[in-house]
Amino acid sequence: MRNTLVLNASYEPLTTVSLKRAVVLVLQDKAVVEHAHPLAVVRGTGVALPVPRVIRLNRYVRVPFRQRAPWSRRGVLVRDQHRCAYCGRRATTVDHLQPKSRGGPDSWMNTVAACSEDNQRKADRTPEQAGMRLLSRPFEPTPEATLMLALGLKEADLGELAAWLPATA
């Protein structure tokens, strides 16, 4: 099941959380369900709660402006849609274009998703040295795009997301 989107009290997107964390926030009256799965329900002793897709915090949380999305291995895999940048098959690892052993950083622009076979074949070399061509170039996603990717949304899904958000958001 996908993660749950967390909105601030002002309806601005903050982050995503696991279903378990979303349910805990709702049961502790720290958040309310804004949009739920139409058919799924979480049941517990004396409680039945629709599976939340989007929750809104009851109290406003001040968040510093984030200009850049933080890098993570999971983020690279999600950004590249779990597709190997070299062959297009399912990717399970992250490859550093400039190998870490040669000073390559953990950054959006230096990493791509890769299948384990291509990652091992490239080894401790650059793609050019290994004679491997990239099918897609790395890019740094915006914080908003990272949030959309974490939710498993594509731009086409934004219409559905915007449909239930208040017009003032």
Protein backbone atom coordinates (compact mmCIF):
# COMPACT_ATOMS: atom_id res chain seq x y z
CA MET A 1 0.00 0.00 0.00
CA ARG A 2 1.22 3.50 -0.77
CA ASN A 3 2.33 5.97 1.85
CA THR A 4 -0.08 8.51 3.27
CA LEU A 5 0.31 12.19 2.44
CA VAL A 6 0.47 14.49 5.47
CA LEU A 7 -0.87 18.02 5.08
CA ASN A 8 -0.20 20.86 7.46
CA ALA A 9 -3.20 22.48 9.16
CA SER A 10 -3.05 25.04 6.34
CA TYR A 11 -3.44 22.23 3.75
CA GLU A 12 0.12 22.53 2.44
CA PRO A 13 1.83 19.16 1.77
CA LEU A 14 4.47 18.31 4.37
CA THR A 15 5.64 14.73 3.94
CA THR A 16 4.54 11.14 3.59
CA VAL A 17 4.24 8.61 6.38
CA SER A 18 3.51 4.91 6.63
CA LEU A 19 -0.07 3.72 7.01
CA LYS A 20 0.68 2.70 10.59
CA ARG A 21 1.97 6.18 11.49
CA ALA A 22 -1.01 7.84 9.79
CA VAL A 23 -3.47 5.71 11.76
CA VAL A 24 -1.65 6.51 15.02
CA LEU A 25 -1.80 10.26 14.30
CA VAL A 26 -5.55 10.05 13.60
CA LEU A 27 -6.28 7.88 16.67
CA GLN A 28 -4.29 10.30 18.87
CA ASP A 29 -6.43 13.17 17.51
CA LYS A 30 -3.34 14.85 16.08
CA ALA A 31 -4.71 14.59 12.53
CA VAL A 32 -7.95 14.07 10.63
CA VAL A 33 -8.54 11.97 7.53
CA GLU A 34 -9.03 14.23 4.52
CA HIS A 35 -9.16 11.52 1.86
CA ALA A 36 -9.53 7.79 2.43
CA HIS A 37 -9.38 4.66 0.33
CA PRO A 38 -12.98 4.01 -0.81
CA LEU A 39 -13.03 0.29 0.03
CA ALA A 40 -10.35 -0.42 2.64
CA VAL A 41 -10.78 -0.18 6.42
CA VAL A 42 -8.32 -0.59 9.29
CA ARG A 43 -9.96 -2.43 12.16
CA GLY A 44 -8.88 -2.69 15.76
CA THR A 45 -10.49 -3.39 19.11
CA GLY A 46 -13.54 -1.16 19.14
CA VAL A 47 -12.43 0.96 16.19
CA ALA A 48 -12.85 0.91 12.42
CA LEU A 49 -11.05 3.60 10.43
CA PRO A 50 -11.06 4.08 6.66
CA VAL A 51 -7.53 3.61 5.28
CA PRO A 52 -6.21 7.18 5.00
CA ARG A 53 -4.60 8.33 1.76
CA VAL A 54 -4.31 11.92 2.98
CA ILE A 55 -4.38 13.26 6.53
CA ARG A 56 -4.29 16.85 7.80
CA LEU A 57 -2.62 17.86 11.05
CA ASN A 58 -4.89 19.60 13.56
CA ARG A 59 -2.16 22.02 14.60
CA TYR A 60 -0.01 24.08 12.26
CA VAL A 61 3.63 22.94 12.10
CA ARG A 62 6.17 25.57 11.09
CA VAL A 63 8.58 24.10 8.57
CA PRO A 64 11.68 25.85 7.28
CA PHE A 65 11.72 26.41 3.53
CA ARG A 66 13.46 23.53 1.79
CA GLN A 67 15.20 24.48 -1.45
CA ARG A 68 16.60 21.03 -2.21
CA ALA A 69 15.31 17.53 -1.88
CA PRO A 70 17.50 15.39 0.39
CA TRP A 71 19.36 12.61 -1.43
CA SER A 72 18.64 8.99 -0.54
CA ARG A 73 19.13 5.59 -2.17
CA ARG A 74 15.39 5.00 -2.06
CA GLY A 75 14.83 8.42 -3.61
CA VAL A 76 17.12 7.57 -6.54
CA LEU A 77 15.30 4.28 -7.15
CA VAL A 78 11.93 6.02 -7.03
CA ARG A 79 13.15 8.92 -9.21
CA ASP A 80 14.33 6.43 -11.85
CA GLN A 81 11.14 4.36 -11.45
CA HIS A 82 13.17 1.29 -10.43
CA ARG A 83 14.52 1.03 -14.00
CA CYS A 84 18.19 0.39 -14.71
CA ALA A 85 19.82 3.42 -16.33
CA TYR A 86 21.97 1.09 -18.46
CA CYS A 87 19.64 -1.65 -19.73
CA GLY A 88 16.10 -0.65 -18.65
CA ARG A 89 15.45 -3.78 -16.57
CA ARG A 90 14.28 -3.69 -12.95
CA ALA A 91 16.81 -1.85 -10.78
CA THR A 92 17.58 -2.91 -7.23
CA THR A 93 20.78 -0.99 -6.56
CA VAL A 94 22.16 2.52 -6.91
CA ASP A 95 25.25 3.11 -9.04
CA HIS A 96 27.65 6.02 -8.63
CA LEU A 97 28.67 7.44 -12.02
CA GLN A 98 31.91 8.68 -10.48
CA PRO A 99 32.66 5.76 -8.09
CA LYS A 100 32.69 6.52 -4.37
CA SER A 101 36.16 4.97 -4.16
CA ARG A 102 37.35 7.75 -6.48
CA GLY A 103 35.69 10.51 -4.49
CA GLY A 104 32.26 10.43 -6.13
CA PRO A 105 29.61 11.94 -3.82
CA ASP A 106 26.22 10.63 -2.78
CA SER A 107 24.26 13.13 -4.86
CA TRP A 108 21.33 13.23 -7.26
CA MET A 109 23.59 14.07 -10.21
CA ASN A 110 26.15 11.32 -9.48
CA THR A 111 23.79 8.39 -8.92
CA VAL A 112 21.41 6.34 -11.04
CA ALA A 113 19.30 3.25 -10.45
CA ALA A 114 20.93 0.08 -11.78
CA CYS A 115 20.33 -3.65 -11.90
CA SER A 116 22.89 -5.62 -9.90
CA GLU A 117 24.39 -7.19 -13.06
CA ASP A 118 25.16 -3.82 -14.67
CA ASN A 119 26.34 -2.36 -11.38
CA GLN A 120 28.84 -5.24 -11.01
CA ARG A 121 29.86 -5.05 -14.69
CA LYS A 122 30.61 -1.32 -14.40
CA ALA A 123 32.49 -1.97 -11.15
CA ASP A 124 34.95 0.73 -10.07
CA ARG A 125 34.87 2.66 -13.35
CA THR A 126 32.94 5.49 -14.94
CA PRO A 127 30.31 4.51 -17.54
CA GLU A 128 32.64 5.75 -20.31
CA GLN A 129 35.55 3.62 -19.05
CA ALA A 130 33.25 0.59 -18.85
CA GLY A 131 31.85 1.21 -22.34
CA MET A 132 28.32 1.56 -20.97
CA ARG A 133 25.78 4.08 -22.24
CA LEU A 134 23.19 5.73 -20.01
CA LEU A 135 19.59 5.41 -21.20
CA SER A 136 18.57 8.31 -18.96
CA ARG A 137 20.54 11.12 -17.38
CA PRO A 138 20.37 11.80 -13.64
CA PHE A 139 18.57 14.92 -12.45
CA GLU A 140 17.83 16.58 -9.14
CA PRO A 141 14.10 16.47 -8.40
CA THR A 142 12.40 19.40 -6.71
CA PRO A 143 11.15 18.87 -3.14
CA GLU A 144 7.60 18.83 -4.53
CA ALA A 145 8.47 16.20 -7.14
CA THR A 146 10.16 14.10 -4.45
CA LEU A 147 6.94 14.19 -2.44
CA MET A 148 4.91 13.16 -5.49
CA LEU A 149 7.34 10.32 -6.23
CA ALA A 150 7.16 9.12 -2.63
CA LEU A 151 3.38 8.94 -2.99
CA GLY A 152 3.72 7.05 -6.24
CA LEU A 153 2.00 9.86 -8.15
CA LYS A 154 2.67 10.97 -11.68
CA GLU A 155 1.73 14.38 -13.06
CA ALA A 156 -1.48 12.86 -14.46
CA ASP A 157 -2.52 11.95 -10.90
CA LEU A 158 -2.33 15.58 -9.77
CA GLY A 159 -5.87 16.22 -11.04
CA GLU A 160 -7.23 13.58 -8.66
CA LEU A 161 -5.16 14.99 -5.82
CA ALA A 162 -6.31 18.57 -6.50
CA ALA A 163 -9.96 17.53 -6.79
CA TRP A 164 -10.43 17.10 -3.04
CA LEU A 165 -8.08 19.86 -1.83
CA PRO A 166 -9.88 23.07 -0.88
CA ALA A 167 -9.73 25.86 -3.44
CA THR A 168 -7.89 28.04 -0.90
CA ALA A 169 -4.96 25.65 -0.64
